[in-house]
Amino acid sequence: MLAKRIIPCLDIKDGQTVKGTNFVNLRQAGDPVELGRAYSEQGADELVFLDITASHEGRKTFTDLVKRVAANISIPFTVGGGINELGDVERLLNAGADKVSINSSAIRNPNLIDEIAKNFGSQVCVVAVDAKLGDNGLWKCFLNGGRIETEKELMTWTLEAQERGAGEILFTSMNHDGVKTGYANEALAQLADGLSIPVIASGGAGTPEHFRDAFTLGKADAALAASVFHFGEIKISELKSYLCAQGITMRI
């Protein structure tokens, strides 16, 4: 069985790491270079860097900051935010990213997924999906860091992304983001059962048990978290030891 992955996420705003609840009420969480180095040393399997206001502000991701983070880590590195064309992907890969994460731009221009997969390989293309569960029981996808609702439904859109060449799906439940009550395991399991590419769980981590449930109940391939790592509530080495004891295959 493939080892499950633990992925800290650096949400970047104005060059600093921030973390909010349900995508709002952001607070400072530290220097991204220092955090990235610490997570790499602590045994994180990968690192995700999301410039969370780039799309909303209509600008490109901070290349220099990506270079500085990449120079201080020795684990796979995914970068997202403000990626709208192949030139952006090339620029970030040259800056040290191993993969790129596209969200708003993929919904606005689904052909971008095809182009990235064709030019750089599916393994480079992570399609991130910010979705919210509505009163009607449907998960609707959102643009611009959760600011704009679209007509796209979670399962339909992720299937299309897979068909176009996405290598992974990073699913963030906006209902669960920062609340620390657990991941959206029912939706995760539906994605895992319906897709043939890896699914990364995001939104809701508060305890080691939540990670366990994401892997067992949610059938996720990886679990991403931010505040529990940034503020020292959960240590990665201890989390991995706990998960191994629960019978979940981890890289130690």
Protein backbone atom coordinates (compact mmCIF):
# COMPACT_ATOMS: atom_id res chain seq x y z
CA MET A 1 0.00 0.00 0.00
CA LEU A 2 1.21 3.50 -0.82
CA ALA A 3 2.17 5.57 2.21
CA LYS A 4 -0.27 8.31 3.16
CA ARG A 5 1.11 11.85 3.09
CA ILE A 6 1.05 14.66 5.66
CA ILE A 7 1.21 18.09 4.00
CA PRO A 8 1.54 21.40 5.86
CA CYS A 9 0.10 24.34 3.94
CA LEU A 10 1.49 27.87 3.91
CA ASP A 11 -1.31 30.33 3.07
CA ILE A 12 0.57 33.47 2.00
CA LYS A 13 -0.75 37.03 2.11
CA ASP A 14 1.56 40.04 1.71
CA GLY A 15 4.61 37.75 2.03
CA GLN A 16 3.56 36.34 5.42
CA THR A 17 1.92 33.07 6.42
CA VAL A 18 -1.67 33.58 7.58
CA LYS A 19 -4.51 31.34 8.71
CA GLY A 20 -8.22 32.01 9.01
CA THR A 21 -11.52 30.29 9.72
CA ASN A 22 -13.96 29.52 6.88
CA PHE A 23 -11.63 31.55 4.61
CA VAL A 24 -11.97 34.80 6.66
CA ASN A 25 -10.58 36.34 9.89
CA LEU A 26 -6.95 35.85 8.89
CA ARG A 27 -4.22 36.01 11.52
CA GLN A 28 -0.43 35.97 11.22
CA ALA A 29 1.27 32.58 11.50
CA GLY A 30 4.93 33.33 10.82
CA ASP A 31 7.66 33.58 8.22
CA PRO A 32 7.07 31.15 5.32
CA VAL A 33 10.77 30.41 4.79
CA GLU A 34 11.29 29.50 8.45
CA LEU A 35 8.09 27.45 8.59
CA GLY A 36 8.94 25.62 5.38
CA ARG A 37 12.40 24.73 6.66
CA ALA A 38 10.99 23.51 9.98
CA TYR A 39 8.36 21.31 8.31
CA SER A 40 10.93 19.81 5.97
CA GLU A 41 13.14 18.96 8.96
CA GLN A 42 10.20 17.62 10.99
CA GLY A 43 9.34 14.97 8.43
CA ALA A 44 6.50 16.49 6.41
CA ASP A 45 6.01 14.57 3.17
CA GLU A 46 5.33 17.64 1.03
CA LEU A 47 4.78 21.36 1.38
CA VAL A 48 2.06 23.47 -0.23
CA PHE A 49 2.44 27.24 -0.72
CA LEU A 50 -0.74 29.12 -1.67
CA ASP A 51 -0.66 32.83 -2.47
CA ILE A 52 -4.27 33.20 -1.35
CA THR A 53 -4.95 36.71 -2.66
CA ALA A 54 -3.09 36.56 -5.99
CA SER A 55 -6.15 35.62 -8.08
CA HIS A 56 -8.41 38.06 -6.27
CA GLU A 57 -5.87 40.87 -6.67
CA GLY A 58 -5.15 39.92 -10.28
CA ARG A 59 -1.40 39.50 -9.86
CA LYS A 60 1.25 36.79 -10.10
CA THR A 61 2.60 34.67 -7.24
CA PHE A 62 5.69 36.06 -5.49
CA THR A 63 8.48 34.27 -7.38
CA ASP A 64 11.28 35.45 -5.08
CA LEU A 65 9.53 34.09 -2.00
CA VAL A 66 8.96 30.76 -3.76
CA LYS A 67 12.71 30.61 -4.53
CA ARG A 68 13.62 31.29 -0.91
CA VAL A 69 11.26 28.62 0.43
CA ALA A 70 12.42 26.07 -2.16
CA ALA A 71 16.07 26.67 -1.24
CA ASN A 72 15.35 25.74 2.38
CA ILE A 73 13.39 22.50 1.96
CA SER A 74 14.14 18.99 0.71
CA ILE A 75 10.58 17.72 0.12
CA PRO A 76 8.20 18.03 -2.86
CA PHE A 77 6.87 21.58 -3.13
CA THR A 78 3.52 22.65 -4.63
CA VAL A 79 2.82 26.33 -5.37
CA GLY A 80 -0.52 27.95 -6.18
CA GLY A 81 -2.05 31.38 -6.62
CA GLY A 82 -2.29 33.65 -9.66
CA ILE A 83 -1.36 30.94 -12.19
CA ASN A 84 -3.19 31.75 -15.42
CA GLU A 85 -0.95 30.53 -18.25
CA LEU A 86 1.88 28.16 -19.12
CA GLY A 87 4.45 30.92 -18.60
CA ASP A 88 3.42 31.15 -14.94
CA VAL A 89 3.91 27.40 -14.52
CA GLU A 90 7.36 27.52 -16.12
CA ARG A 91 8.38 30.49 -13.96
CA LEU A 92 7.38 28.69 -10.74
CA LEU A 93 8.97 25.38 -11.73
CA ASN A 94 12.18 27.29 -12.48
CA ALA A 95 11.88 28.94 -9.05
CA GLY A 96 11.92 25.53 -7.36
CA ALA A 97 8.32 24.29 -7.35
CA ASP A 98 7.76 20.61 -8.16
CA LYS A 99 4.04 21.02 -8.82
CA VAL A 100 1.58 23.84 -9.35
CA SER A 101 -1.90 24.15 -7.92
CA ILE A 102 -4.58 25.82 -10.02
CA ASN A 103 -8.07 26.66 -8.87
CA SER A 104 -9.83 29.79 -10.12
CA SER A 105 -7.93 29.77 -13.42
CA ALA A 106 -8.85 26.11 -14.02
CA ILE A 107 -12.56 26.83 -13.60
CA ARG A 108 -12.39 29.92 -15.81
CA ASN A 109 -10.23 28.18 -18.43
CA PRO A 110 -10.39 24.37 -18.12
CA ASN A 111 -8.08 24.02 -21.14
CA LEU A 112 -5.26 25.20 -18.86
CA ILE A 113 -5.33 21.76 -17.21
CA ASP A 114 -4.85 20.07 -20.60
CA GLU A 115 -2.01 22.45 -21.49
CA ILE A 116 -0.12 21.93 -18.21
CA ALA A 117 -0.48 18.14 -18.44
CA LYS A 118 0.63 18.11 -22.07
CA ASN A 119 3.63 20.41 -21.59
CA PHE A 120 4.86 19.44 -18.13
CA GLY A 121 3.12 16.15 -17.29
CA SER A 122 0.07 15.36 -15.17
CA GLN A 123 2.26 14.95 -12.08
CA VAL A 124 2.88 18.72 -12.14
CA CYS A 125 -0.81 19.68 -12.23
CA VAL A 126 -2.74 19.77 -8.95
CA VAL A 127 -6.31 21.03 -9.35
CA ALA A 128 -7.43 22.66 -6.12
CA VAL A 129 -11.15 22.89 -5.42
CA ASP A 130 -12.69 25.13 -2.78
CA ALA A 131 -16.24 23.87 -2.29
CA LYS A 132 -19.09 24.55 0.10
CA LEU A 133 -21.95 22.22 0.98
CA GLY A 134 -25.25 24.00 0.41
CA ASP A 135 -28.63 23.48 2.07
CA ASN A 136 -29.67 21.50 -1.01
CA GLY A 137 -27.00 18.87 -0.30
CA LEU A 138 -24.84 19.87 -3.27
CA TRP A 139 -21.17 20.85 -3.05
CA LYS A 140 -20.66 24.00 -5.13
CA CYS A 141 -17.19 25.15 -6.22
CA PHE A 142 -15.95 28.69 -5.50
CA LEU A 143 -13.49 31.09 -7.16
CA ASN A 144 -11.02 33.70 -5.88
CA GLY A 145 -10.24 32.20 -2.49
CA GLY A 146 -13.84 31.33 -1.70
CA ARG A 147 -15.28 34.71 -2.69
CA ILE A 148 -17.36 33.81 -5.77
CA GLU A 149 -19.76 30.89 -6.08
CA THR A 150 -19.90 29.05 -9.42
CA GLU A 151 -22.39 26.63 -10.96
CA LYS A 152 -19.80 23.85 -10.96
CA GLU A 153 -20.56 20.89 -8.71
CA LEU A 154 -17.71 19.15 -6.88
CA MET A 155 -17.94 15.63 -8.32
CA THR A 156 -18.68 16.73 -11.88
CA TRP A 157 -15.85 19.26 -11.91
CA THR A 158 -13.23 16.96 -10.40
CA LEU A 159 -14.09 14.24 -12.91
CA GLU A 160 -13.62 16.74 -15.73
CA ALA A 161 -10.32 17.89 -14.23
CA GLN A 162 -9.12 14.28 -14.09
CA GLU A 163 -10.12 13.66 -17.70
CA ARG A 164 -8.24 16.78 -18.78
CA GLY A 165 -5.03 15.57 -17.16
CA ALA A 166 -4.97 16.70 -13.53
CA GLY A 167 -2.57 14.57 -11.49
CA GLU A 168 -4.16 15.22 -8.10
CA ILE A 169 -7.21 16.89 -6.57
CA LEU A 170 -6.76 19.14 -3.52
CA PHE A 171 -10.25 19.39 -2.02
CA THR A 172 -10.87 22.04 0.64
CA SER A 173 -14.22 22.04 2.39
CA MET A 174 -15.04 25.68 3.08
CA ASN A 175 -17.57 24.53 5.70
CA HIS A 176 -14.77 22.82 7.65
CA ASP A 177 -11.85 25.24 7.02
CA GLY A 178 -10.14 26.30 10.25
CA VAL A 179 -12.99 24.99 12.43
CA LYS A 180 -10.96 21.98 13.65
CA THR A 181 -13.91 19.59 13.85
CA GLY A 182 -12.61 17.11 11.28
CA TYR A 183 -12.44 16.80 7.51
CA ALA A 184 -15.41 16.40 5.14
CA ASN A 185 -15.00 12.62 5.14
CA GLU A 186 -18.23 11.74 3.35
CA ALA A 187 -17.40 13.99 0.40
CA LEU A 188 -13.78 12.81 0.46
CA ALA A 189 -14.86 9.17 0.22
CA GLN A 190 -17.11 10.00 -2.73
CA LEU A 191 -14.18 11.66 -4.49
CA ALA A 192 -11.83 8.78 -3.68
CA ASP A 193 -14.34 6.23 -4.99
CA GLY A 194 -15.20 8.25 -8.10
CA LEU A 195 -11.70 9.31 -9.18
CA SER A 196 -8.61 7.36 -10.14
CA ILE A 197 -6.12 10.10 -9.17
CA PRO A 198 -4.99 10.94 -5.61
CA VAL A 199 -7.21 13.12 -3.42
CA ILE A 200 -5.72 15.50 -0.84
CA ALA A 201 -8.00 16.36 2.10
CA SER A 202 -8.02 19.96 3.30
CA GLY A 203 -10.08 21.86 5.83
CA GLY A 204 -10.94 20.81 9.36
CA ALA A 205 -7.90 19.25 11.03
CA GLY A 206 -7.89 19.72 14.78
CA THR A 207 -6.71 16.45 16.33
CA PRO A 208 -4.65 13.40 15.28
CA GLU A 209 -7.92 11.46 15.11
CA HIS A 210 -9.13 13.79 12.37
CA PHE A 211 -6.17 12.78 10.19
CA ARG A 212 -6.84 9.11 10.92
CA ASP A 213 -10.48 9.55 9.88
CA ALA A 214 -9.52 11.37 6.67
CA PHE A 215 -7.43 8.34 5.68
CA THR A 216 -9.82 5.62 6.86
CA LEU A 217 -13.34 7.06 6.49
CA GLY A 218 -12.47 9.64 3.82
CA LYS A 219 -10.08 7.33 1.92
CA ALA A 220 -7.82 10.34 1.23
CA ASP A 221 -4.32 9.82 -0.14
CA ALA A 222 -2.95 12.83 1.72
CA ALA A 223 -4.09 15.21 4.44
CA LEU A 224 -3.24 18.89 4.38
CA ALA A 225 -3.39 21.18 7.40
CA ALA A 226 -2.21 24.60 8.43
CA SER A 227 -3.01 26.12 11.82
CA VAL A 228 -2.52 22.95 13.90
CA PHE A 229 1.04 22.80 12.58
CA HIS A 230 1.77 26.56 12.49
CA PHE A 231 0.75 27.09 16.11
CA GLY A 232 2.37 23.91 17.43
CA GLU A 233 -0.86 22.15 18.38
CA ILE A 234 0.20 18.97 16.56
CA LYS A 235 3.79 17.89 15.93
CA ILE A 236 4.32 16.08 12.62
CA SER A 237 6.58 13.35 14.07
CA GLU A 238 4.08 12.59 16.83
CA LEU A 239 1.20 12.60 14.35
CA LYS A 240 2.97 10.09 12.11
CA SER A 241 3.77 7.82 15.04
CA TYR A 242 0.12 7.91 16.10
CA LEU A 243 -1.10 7.13 12.58
CA CYS A 244 1.35 4.21 12.25
CA ALA A 245 0.00 2.84 15.52
CA GLN A 246 -3.47 3.06 13.98
CA GLY A 247 -2.33 0.81 11.14
CA ILE A 248 -1.95 3.58 8.56
CA THR A 249 1.13 3.33 6.33
CA MET A 250 3.35 6.40 6.75
CA ARG A 251 6.86 7.45 5.78
CA ILE A 252 8.72 7.87 9.07
